[in-house]
Amino acid sequence: MHISRTSWKNEEDDVNILVIGSGGREHALFWKLSESPQMEQIYAIPGNPGMGGMIDIPVTDHAAILRFVQEKEIGLVVVGPEVPLMNGLVDELEGAGIPAFGPRANAAEIEGSKSFAKNLMKKYGIPTARYEVFTEAESARAYIRREGAPIVIKADGLAAGKGVIVAMTEQEALDAVDAIMEDNSFGDAGARVVIEEFMEGEEASLLAFTDGKVIRPMISAQDHKRAYDGDRGPNTGGMGTYAPAPVMTPEMTEHAVEEILKPTIAAMEKEGRTYRGCLYLGLMITSDGPKVVEFNARFGDPETQVVLPLLDGDLVQIMLACTDGTLADVPIHWKDGAAVCVVLAAGGYPGLYEKGHEIHGIENAEKTGALVFHAGTAQQGGKVVTNGGRVLGVVGRGEDIASAVQSAYAAADQISFRDVFCRRDIAHRALNR
């Protein structure tokens, strides 16, 4: 799938772009990159119907991706999901002389292994929760009995954003260890667990562009992990987001940059794991200031869907500067106002859900001025149908969070499919301050 730009531009600025991935985050990246005056043609592997079609290459088939990149003379590859980053796709692309936005495999480990990230923070004095790492279920259970609850249990490896259990009782914590380590509920990701102290406070996400030296924080956001209103129900990949997050005051952002982002990027460099791309900082704003909940080695989902609409700049230029070490030379500005994303999910998510139900009303939603990013959709007989748990992200914009919330829900209510549900309280923390 591709889009090409036909308007006249200076030839030397033309760049063919490839986005790797198929979710809501990738659709948002694709949309923002398409706006760049430097964009000549843009493709997505495997893409989704919202981006205009698909190129049927698996994200794990590095050889086929490389052939495609060479054939289409791609000048920038943007790797969206964590798995191809961990599998070294950026390493291979750079090895072939192709600019790729995202960290190499040894730097992506900051997300791929929670124990690596925690040990790095301990070594370099980066503020985070107290923790222990366990490979034996029995010793993990003994630690829980000693520490008591509330306590946080995390599968060490990649678990699609769902490998974290915040246990409010000792029994919940012991059950979580059984599920992860004995029943292999997250497969190999649970061979090791990290058990952390429970941190009191409000969570926020801060993403940053970096070329390995220079760090440029993006506008802050706040995610809603739980499935149902009032932050109840199981954890999900994220039911909605808003930006900016009022809890991230300018002072708090400055603190996070100086005490967390800069030391982390410097630590990675010292460890021989130079970090380039987007570093995602999941934060808990505690009474002692911001502390790291987790790092991700890529853009967050659904944070990207609210952060990029507020970016006042050329994303192609920014990303190319991250790949070649010139980020200091690129101006990055942010728009006034706010953005809110409401995720429309399939009934039953994050548990079992059905696929293949026709989706109605996307065009009507877009007519309201909202952005609709496809996350779990497919094309079937000329119709767009559900194909995942999180189906669509509907983004409303406004001069403040209250008006952006209004826009997002007015648009979301135009869309229907069988058993659709969404949270009705996205941005409640900002609205109730």
Protein backbone atom coordinates (compact mmCIF):
# COMPACT_ATOMS: atom_id res chain seq x y z
CA MET A 1 0.00 0.00 0.00
CA HIS A 2 1.26 3.47 -0.66
CA ILE A 3 0.35 7.07 -1.02
CA SER A 4 2.28 9.36 -3.34
CA ARG A 5 2.50 13.10 -3.28
CA THR A 6 2.12 14.86 -6.58
CA SER A 7 2.69 18.51 -5.61
CA TRP A 8 5.96 20.09 -6.77
CA LYS A 9 8.88 20.03 -4.38
CA ASN A 10 12.62 20.33 -4.44
CA GLU A 11 13.75 16.95 -5.77
CA GLU A 12 16.61 16.54 -3.32
CA ASP A 13 14.17 16.57 -0.41
CA ASP A 14 12.11 13.67 -1.67
CA VAL A 15 12.07 10.65 0.59
CA ASN A 16 10.32 7.31 0.13
CA ILE A 17 9.14 6.08 3.52
CA LEU A 18 8.19 2.69 4.92
CA VAL A 19 6.25 2.18 8.18
CA ILE A 20 6.52 -1.26 9.80
CA GLY A 21 3.43 -2.42 11.72
CA SER A 22 -0.34 -2.61 11.47
CA GLY A 23 -1.87 -1.05 14.61
CA GLY A 24 -3.30 2.30 15.70
CA ARG A 25 0.15 3.63 16.56
CA GLU A 26 1.41 2.84 13.05
CA HIS A 27 -1.64 4.42 11.42
CA ALA A 28 -0.98 7.62 13.42
CA LEU A 29 2.70 7.58 12.40
CA PHE A 30 1.73 6.96 8.76
CA TRP A 31 -0.74 9.88 8.86
CA LYS A 32 1.78 12.31 10.37
CA LEU A 33 4.63 11.24 8.06
CA SER A 34 2.28 11.67 5.07
CA GLU A 35 1.93 15.37 5.97
CA SER A 36 5.65 16.03 5.49
CA PRO A 37 6.71 18.11 2.47
CA GLN A 38 9.65 15.67 2.18
CA MET A 39 7.38 12.65 1.68
CA GLU A 40 7.53 11.35 -1.89
CA GLN A 41 5.87 7.95 -1.44
CA ILE A 42 4.87 6.15 1.71
CA TYR A 43 4.24 2.44 2.22
CA ALA A 44 3.27 0.21 5.15
CA ILE A 45 4.16 -3.42 5.95
CA PRO A 46 1.73 -5.04 6.62
CA GLY A 47 -0.37 -1.85 7.17
CA ASN A 48 -4.12 -1.78 7.75
CA PRO A 49 -7.23 -0.66 5.80
CA GLY A 50 -7.07 2.84 7.33
CA MET A 51 -3.73 3.42 5.66
CA GLY A 52 -5.16 2.47 2.29
CA GLY A 53 -4.26 -1.20 1.84
CA MET A 54 -1.62 -3.69 2.76
CA ILE A 55 1.72 -5.03 1.59
CA ASP A 56 1.57 -8.65 2.57
CA ILE A 57 5.00 -9.21 4.12
CA PRO A 58 5.25 -10.47 7.74
CA VAL A 59 7.17 -8.07 10.06
CA THR A 60 9.35 -11.05 11.02
CA ASP A 61 10.55 -11.66 7.42
CA HIS A 62 13.58 -9.37 7.47
CA ALA A 63 14.96 -10.63 4.13
CA ALA A 64 11.69 -9.80 2.30
CA ILE A 65 11.52 -6.38 4.01
CA LEU A 66 15.11 -5.61 2.92
CA ARG A 67 14.34 -6.63 -0.67
CA PHE A 68 11.26 -4.37 -0.66
CA VAL A 69 13.24 -1.46 0.79
CA GLN A 70 15.93 -1.76 -1.88
CA GLU A 71 13.43 -2.22 -4.69
CA LYS A 72 11.41 0.89 -3.72
CA GLU A 73 14.52 2.96 -2.83
CA ILE A 74 13.23 3.68 0.67
CA GLY A 75 15.07 6.56 2.41
CA LEU A 76 13.53 6.13 5.87
CA VAL A 77 12.10 3.05 7.62
CA VAL A 78 10.05 3.66 10.78
CA VAL A 79 9.70 0.54 12.95
CA GLY A 80 6.53 0.75 15.04
CA PRO A 81 6.20 -2.43 17.16
CA GLU A 82 8.59 -3.78 19.78
CA VAL A 83 9.05 -7.32 18.37
CA PRO A 84 10.91 -6.38 15.12
CA LEU A 85 13.05 -3.94 17.18
CA MET A 86 14.00 -6.73 19.60
CA ASN A 87 14.61 -9.05 16.64
CA GLY A 88 17.20 -6.65 15.21
CA LEU A 89 15.41 -5.26 12.14
CA VAL A 90 17.04 -1.83 12.66
CA ASP A 91 20.49 -3.48 12.88
CA GLU A 92 19.92 -5.18 9.50
CA LEU A 93 18.57 -2.06 7.81
CA GLU A 94 21.45 0.10 9.07
CA GLY A 95 23.88 -2.64 8.02
CA ALA A 96 22.48 -2.23 4.48
CA GLY A 97 22.96 1.56 4.69
CA ILE A 98 19.23 2.38 5.10
CA PRO A 99 18.22 5.04 7.67
CA ALA A 100 15.91 3.36 10.21
CA PHE A 101 14.08 5.07 13.07
CA GLY A 102 14.18 2.95 16.20
CA PRO A 103 16.82 1.46 18.52
CA ARG A 104 19.08 -1.46 17.65
CA ALA A 105 18.33 -4.81 19.32
CA ASN A 106 20.82 -4.36 22.19
CA ALA A 107 19.24 -0.96 23.04
CA ALA A 108 15.65 -2.25 22.64
CA GLU A 109 16.39 -4.59 25.54
CA ILE A 110 15.39 -1.69 27.81
CA GLU A 111 11.84 -2.82 26.97
CA GLY A 112 12.49 -6.47 26.10
CA SER A 113 13.78 -7.32 29.56
CA LYS A 114 12.33 -5.64 32.64
CA SER A 115 15.15 -7.05 34.78
CA PHE A 116 17.75 -5.45 32.45
CA ALA A 117 15.94 -2.08 32.74
CA LYS A 118 15.65 -2.34 36.56
CA ASN A 119 19.31 -3.33 36.98
CA LEU A 120 20.37 -0.43 34.72
CA MET A 121 18.36 2.01 36.85
CA LYS A 122 19.84 0.61 40.06
CA LYS A 123 23.39 0.86 38.69
CA TYR A 124 23.00 4.49 37.55
CA GLY A 125 20.78 5.79 40.36
CA ILE A 126 17.69 6.44 38.18
CA PRO A 127 14.54 6.77 40.37
CA THR A 128 12.27 3.71 40.26
CA ALA A 129 10.46 1.31 42.61
CA ARG A 130 12.38 -1.12 44.87
CA TYR A 131 12.41 -4.58 43.27
CA GLU A 132 13.74 -8.14 43.18
CA VAL A 133 14.09 -10.52 40.21
CA PHE A 134 13.06 -14.20 40.52
CA THR A 135 13.49 -17.28 38.32
CA GLU A 136 11.93 -19.69 40.88
CA ALA A 137 8.24 -19.49 41.79
CA GLU A 138 8.84 -20.66 45.36
CA SER A 139 11.32 -17.88 46.21
CA ALA A 140 8.98 -15.32 44.52
CA ARG A 141 6.12 -16.51 46.77
CA ALA A 142 8.33 -16.32 49.88
CA TYR A 143 9.26 -12.72 49.00
CA ILE A 144 5.58 -11.78 48.57
CA ARG A 145 4.71 -13.30 51.96
CA ARG A 146 7.54 -11.29 53.51
CA GLU A 147 6.69 -7.96 51.78
CA GLY A 148 2.87 -8.19 51.87
CA ALA A 149 0.50 -6.24 49.56
CA PRO A 150 -0.18 -4.09 47.62
CA ILE A 151 2.68 -5.25 45.40
CA VAL A 152 3.39 -5.37 41.63
CA ILE A 153 4.23 -8.56 39.69
CA LYS A 154 5.72 -8.22 36.16
CA ALA A 155 6.59 -10.84 33.56
CA ASP A 156 10.20 -10.07 32.56
CA GLY A 157 9.78 -10.31 28.77
CA LEU A 158 7.42 -8.86 26.15
CA ALA A 159 3.76 -9.54 26.93
CA ALA A 160 1.95 -7.06 24.62
CA GLY A 161 1.42 -4.55 27.43
CA LYS A 162 -0.48 -7.07 29.58
CA GLY A 163 2.26 -8.74 31.66
CA VAL A 164 1.85 -6.54 34.74
CA ILE A 165 -0.39 -7.40 37.69
CA VAL A 166 -0.97 -4.81 40.40
CA ALA A 167 -1.96 -7.08 43.31
CA MET A 168 -3.95 -5.38 46.05
CA THR A 169 -3.93 -8.50 48.28
CA GLU A 170 -1.28 -11.09 49.09
CA GLN A 171 -3.47 -13.83 47.56
CA GLU A 172 -3.75 -11.92 44.24
CA ALA A 173 0.05 -11.63 44.17
CA LEU A 174 0.56 -15.35 44.84
CA ASP A 175 -2.03 -16.18 42.14
CA ALA A 176 -0.17 -13.91 39.70
CA VAL A 177 3.10 -15.79 40.32
CA ASP A 178 1.28 -19.10 39.75
CA ALA A 179 -0.27 -17.84 36.52
CA ILE A 180 2.97 -16.38 35.11
CA MET A 181 5.58 -18.88 36.32
CA GLU A 182 3.65 -22.17 36.72
CA ASP A 183 0.86 -21.88 34.12
CA ASN A 184 3.02 -19.93 31.59
CA SER A 185 0.16 -17.49 30.91
CA PHE A 186 2.64 -15.18 29.09
CA GLY A 187 4.80 -17.99 27.62
CA ASP A 188 8.58 -17.45 27.74
CA ALA A 189 8.08 -13.82 28.85
CA GLY A 190 7.26 -15.19 32.31
CA ALA A 191 10.33 -17.40 32.83
CA ARG A 192 11.57 -14.58 35.07
CA VAL A 193 9.45 -12.19 37.11
CA VAL A 194 10.23 -8.80 38.56
CA ILE A 195 8.43 -8.04 41.84
CA GLU A 196 8.24 -4.35 42.75
CA GLU A 197 7.03 -2.20 45.57
CA PHE A 198 3.65 -0.58 44.89
CA MET A 199 4.08 3.14 44.15
CA GLU A 200 1.39 5.63 45.18
CA GLY A 201 0.65 8.43 42.77
CA GLU A 202 -0.66 9.31 39.35
CA GLU A 203 0.73 7.73 36.18
CA ALA A 204 1.83 9.69 33.12
CA SER A 205 3.65 8.94 29.86
CA LEU A 206 6.48 11.05 28.50
CA LEU A 207 7.89 10.15 25.09
CA ALA A 208 11.12 11.60 23.77
CA PHE A 209 12.99 11.79 20.48
CA THR A 210 16.71 11.07 20.79
CA ASP A 211 19.69 10.65 18.46
CA GLY A 212 21.74 8.97 21.21
CA LYS A 213 23.01 12.27 22.63
CA VAL A 214 20.35 14.98 22.30
CA ILE A 215 16.95 14.40 23.96
CA ARG A 216 13.79 16.23 22.94
CA PRO A 217 10.77 15.39 25.11
CA MET A 218 7.37 15.29 23.43
CA ILE A 219 4.17 16.58 24.96
CA SER A 220 3.05 14.48 27.96
CA ALA A 221 0.08 12.09 27.86
CA GLN A 222 -1.92 9.88 30.19
CA ASP A 223 -3.13 6.39 29.32
CA HIS A 224 -6.16 4.51 30.72
CA LYS A 225 -5.06 0.90 31.13
CA ARG A 226 -8.13 -0.65 32.77
CA ALA A 227 -10.96 -1.95 30.63
CA TYR A 228 -13.90 -0.20 32.34
CA ASP A 229 -14.96 3.18 33.68
CA GLY A 230 -13.58 4.23 37.04
CA ASP A 231 -10.30 2.41 36.27
CA ARG A 232 -11.91 -0.95 37.01
CA GLY A 233 -11.52 -4.33 35.35
CA PRO A 234 -8.51 -6.08 33.81
CA ASN A 235 -5.47 -4.34 32.33
CA THR A 236 -5.54 -3.79 28.56
CA GLY A 237 -3.19 -2.44 25.92
CA GLY A 238 -4.83 0.97 26.63
CA MET A 239 -8.48 2.14 26.34
CA GLY A 240 -7.78 5.78 25.63
CA THR A 241 -5.40 8.65 26.21
CA TYR A 242 -5.23 12.40 26.41
CA ALA A 243 -2.52 15.02 25.99
CA PRO A 244 -1.17 17.09 27.59
CA ALA A 245 -1.41 15.52 31.06
CA PRO A 246 -1.91 18.29 33.69
CA VAL A 247 0.04 16.23 36.27
CA MET A 248 3.13 16.76 34.09
CA THR A 249 3.70 20.42 34.89
CA PRO A 250 6.65 22.12 33.13
CA GLU A 251 8.65 21.64 36.37
CA MET A 252 7.77 17.94 36.51
CA THR A 253 8.72 17.46 32.85
CA GLU A 254 12.02 19.24 33.42
CA HIS A 255 12.65 16.98 36.44
CA ALA A 256 11.92 13.84 34.37
CA VAL A 257 14.28 15.01 31.60
CA GLU A 258 17.16 15.87 33.97
CA GLU A 259 16.80 13.02 36.51
CA ILE A 260 15.59 10.21 34.24
CA LEU A 261 15.87 10.74 30.47
CA LYS A 262 19.37 12.25 30.32
CA PRO A 263 20.93 9.74 32.79
CA THR A 264 19.22 6.82 30.98
CA ILE A 265 20.47 7.81 27.51
CA ALA A 266 23.98 8.44 28.95
CA ALA A 267 23.86 5.07 30.79
CA MET A 268 22.90 3.22 27.59
CA GLU A 269 25.80 4.87 25.77
CA LYS A 270 28.21 3.83 28.59
CA GLU A 271 26.90 0.24 28.37
CA GLY A 272 27.70 0.14 24.64
CA ARG A 273 23.99 0.24 23.73
CA THR A 274 23.60 3.68 22.09
CA TYR A 275 19.87 4.45 22.08
CA ARG A 276 18.34 6.20 19.02
CA GLY A 277 14.66 6.59 18.21
CA CYS A 278 11.74 7.16 20.54
CA LEU A 279 12.15 6.34 24.24
CA TYR A 280 8.87 5.97 26.09
CA LEU A 281 8.90 6.75 29.77
CA GLY A 282 6.03 5.32 31.85
CA LEU A 283 6.11 7.41 35.05
CA MET A 284 4.53 7.40 38.48
CA ILE A 285 4.30 10.90 39.90
CA THR A 286 4.95 10.19 43.60
CA SER A 287 5.33 12.52 46.57
CA ASP A 288 9.12 12.18 45.96
CA GLY A 289 8.80 13.28 42.30
CA PRO A 290 8.60 11.17 39.10
CA LYS A 291 9.79 7.54 39.19
CA VAL A 292 10.04 5.05 36.31
CA VAL A 293 7.30 2.42 36.07
CA GLU A 294 8.61 1.09 32.74
CA PHE A 295 10.51 1.99 29.59
CA ASN A 296 9.32 1.18 26.09
CA ALA A 297 11.66 1.20 23.12
CA ARG A 298 9.11 2.79 20.77
CA PHE A 299 6.11 5.06 20.54
CA GLY A 300 3.29 4.18 22.97
CA ASP A 301 -0.11 2.97 21.83
CA PRO A 302 -2.52 4.79 22.20
CA GLU A 303 -0.29 7.72 23.34
CA THR A 304 1.00 8.27 19.79
CA GLN A 305 -2.58 8.91 18.62
CA VAL A 306 -2.81 12.05 20.84
CA VAL A 307 0.82 13.21 20.84
CA LEU A 308 1.39 13.38 17.06
CA PRO A 309 -1.72 15.50 16.30
CA LEU A 310 -0.20 18.14 18.61
CA LEU A 311 3.24 18.06 16.95
CA ASP A 312 3.90 21.24 14.99
CA GLY A 313 6.82 20.07 12.92
CA ASP A 314 8.01 17.81 10.13
CA LEU A 315 8.16 14.25 11.48
CA VAL A 316 10.28 13.02 8.56
CA GLN A 317 12.90 15.69 9.26
CA ILE A 318 12.88 14.90 13.01
CA MET A 319 13.23 11.14 12.45
CA LEU A 320 16.02 11.47 9.90
CA ALA A 321 17.86 13.74 12.38
CA CYS A 322 17.52 11.01 15.06
CA THR A 323 19.10 8.47 12.67
CA ASP A 324 22.06 10.65 11.69
CA GLY A 325 22.86 12.42 14.98
CA THR A 326 21.69 15.93 14.03
CA LEU A 327 18.65 16.32 16.30
CA ALA A 328 20.15 19.45 17.88
CA ASP A 329 19.65 21.27 14.54
CA VAL A 330 15.93 20.53 14.12
CA PRO A 331 13.25 22.83 15.57
CA ILE A 332 10.40 20.98 17.34
CA HIS A 333 7.29 22.88 18.42
CA TRP A 334 3.99 21.84 19.93
CA LYS A 335 0.51 23.19 19.20
CA ASP A 336 -1.66 24.76 21.85
CA GLY A 337 -4.78 22.86 22.83
CA ALA A 338 -5.41 19.21 23.63
CA ALA A 339 -6.16 15.85 22.01
CA VAL A 340 -8.19 12.93 23.38
CA CYS A 341 -8.31 9.36 22.02
CA VAL A 342 -11.21 7.01 22.78
CA VAL A 343 -10.58 3.36 21.91
CA LEU A 344 -13.53 1.42 20.47
CA ALA A 345 -13.05 -2.19 21.50
CA ALA A 346 -14.63 -5.53 20.60
CA GLY A 347 -17.02 -7.05 23.16
CA GLY A 348 -15.12 -9.38 25.52
CA TYR A 349 -11.73 -7.60 25.13
CA PRO A 350 -9.16 -8.05 26.73
CA GLY A 351 -10.48 -11.64 27.05
CA LEU A 352 -12.02 -13.60 24.16
CA TYR A 353 -13.70 -11.53 21.45
CA GLU A 354 -15.17 -12.11 18.00
CA LYS A 355 -13.74 -10.84 14.71
CA GLY A 356 -15.24 -10.19 11.29
CA HIS A 357 -18.11 -7.81 12.22
CA GLU A 358 -18.74 -4.99 9.74
CA ILE A 359 -17.89 -1.47 10.95
CA HIS A 360 -20.28 1.40 10.09
CA GLY A 361 -19.95 5.17 10.37
CA ILE A 362 -16.20 5.84 10.09
CA GLU A 363 -16.77 8.50 7.41
CA ASN A 364 -19.45 10.19 9.55
CA ALA A 365 -17.01 10.32 12.45
CA GLU A 366 -14.32 11.87 10.25
CA LYS A 367 -16.81 14.48 8.99
CA THR A 368 -16.98 15.86 12.56
CA GLY A 369 -13.27 16.79 12.24
CA ALA A 370 -12.06 13.82 14.31
CA LEU A 371 -9.19 11.54 13.32
CA VAL A 372 -10.02 7.82 13.17
CA PHE A 373 -7.01 5.51 13.47
CA HIS A 374 -7.48 1.84 12.59
CA ALA A 375 -6.01 -0.56 15.14
CA GLY A 376 -7.67 -3.96 14.68
CA THR A 377 -9.47 -3.87 11.31
CA ALA A 378 -9.41 -5.86 8.06
CA GLN A 379 -10.78 -5.54 4.56
CA GLN A 380 -13.30 -8.23 3.65
CA GLY A 381 -15.28 -8.21 0.42
CA GLY A 382 -15.02 -4.42 0.06
CA LYS A 383 -16.10 -3.87 3.69
CA VAL A 384 -14.05 -2.87 6.72
CA VAL A 385 -14.53 -5.43 9.54
CA THR A 386 -13.27 -5.93 13.09
CA ASN A 387 -10.01 -7.88 13.33
CA GLY A 388 -8.68 -7.30 16.85
CA GLY A 389 -9.52 -6.40 20.46
CA ARG A 390 -8.85 -2.69 20.12
CA VAL A 391 -10.57 -1.90 16.82
CA LEU A 392 -10.35 1.89 16.32
CA GLY A 393 -8.92 4.93 18.09
CA VAL A 394 -11.10 8.05 17.68
CA VAL A 395 -9.23 11.31 18.33
CA GLY A 396 -10.92 14.59 19.11
CA ARG A 397 -9.03 17.90 19.28
CA GLY A 398 -9.98 21.11 21.05
CA GLU A 399 -8.59 24.22 22.72
CA ASP A 400 -8.67 22.40 26.08
CA ILE A 401 -9.18 18.85 27.37
CA ALA A 402 -12.93 19.33 28.02
CA SER A 403 -13.65 20.37 24.41
CA ALA A 404 -11.36 17.61 23.02
CA VAL A 405 -13.27 15.04 25.14
CA GLN A 406 -16.54 16.34 23.71
CA SER A 407 -15.22 16.10 20.13
CA ALA A 408 -13.85 12.58 20.64
CA TYR A 409 -17.11 11.15 22.03
CA ALA A 410 -19.31 12.99 19.48
CA ALA A 411 -17.27 11.29 16.73
CA ALA A 412 -17.02 7.89 18.48
CA ASP A 413 -20.82 7.79 18.79
CA GLN A 414 -21.08 7.90 14.97
CA ILE A 415 -19.37 4.50 14.69
CA SER A 416 -21.00 1.15 15.30
CA PHE A 417 -20.22 -2.57 15.08
CA ARG A 418 -21.55 -5.60 16.94
CA ASP A 419 -20.81 -5.52 20.72
CA VAL A 420 -18.71 -2.33 20.47
CA PHE A 421 -17.76 -0.80 23.81
CA CYS A 422 -15.58 2.04 25.05
CA ARG A 423 -14.81 3.77 28.28
CA ARG A 424 -16.94 6.87 28.81
CA ASP A 425 -14.58 8.55 31.28
CA ILE A 426 -11.39 9.14 29.28
CA ALA A 427 -9.47 12.12 30.75
CA HIS A 428 -11.48 11.99 34.01
CA ARG A 429 -8.38 12.84 36.07
CA ALA A 430 -7.76 16.00 34.07
CA LEU A 431 -11.42 17.04 34.15
CA ASN A 432 -11.80 16.44 37.90
CA ARG A 433 -8.71 18.33 39.08
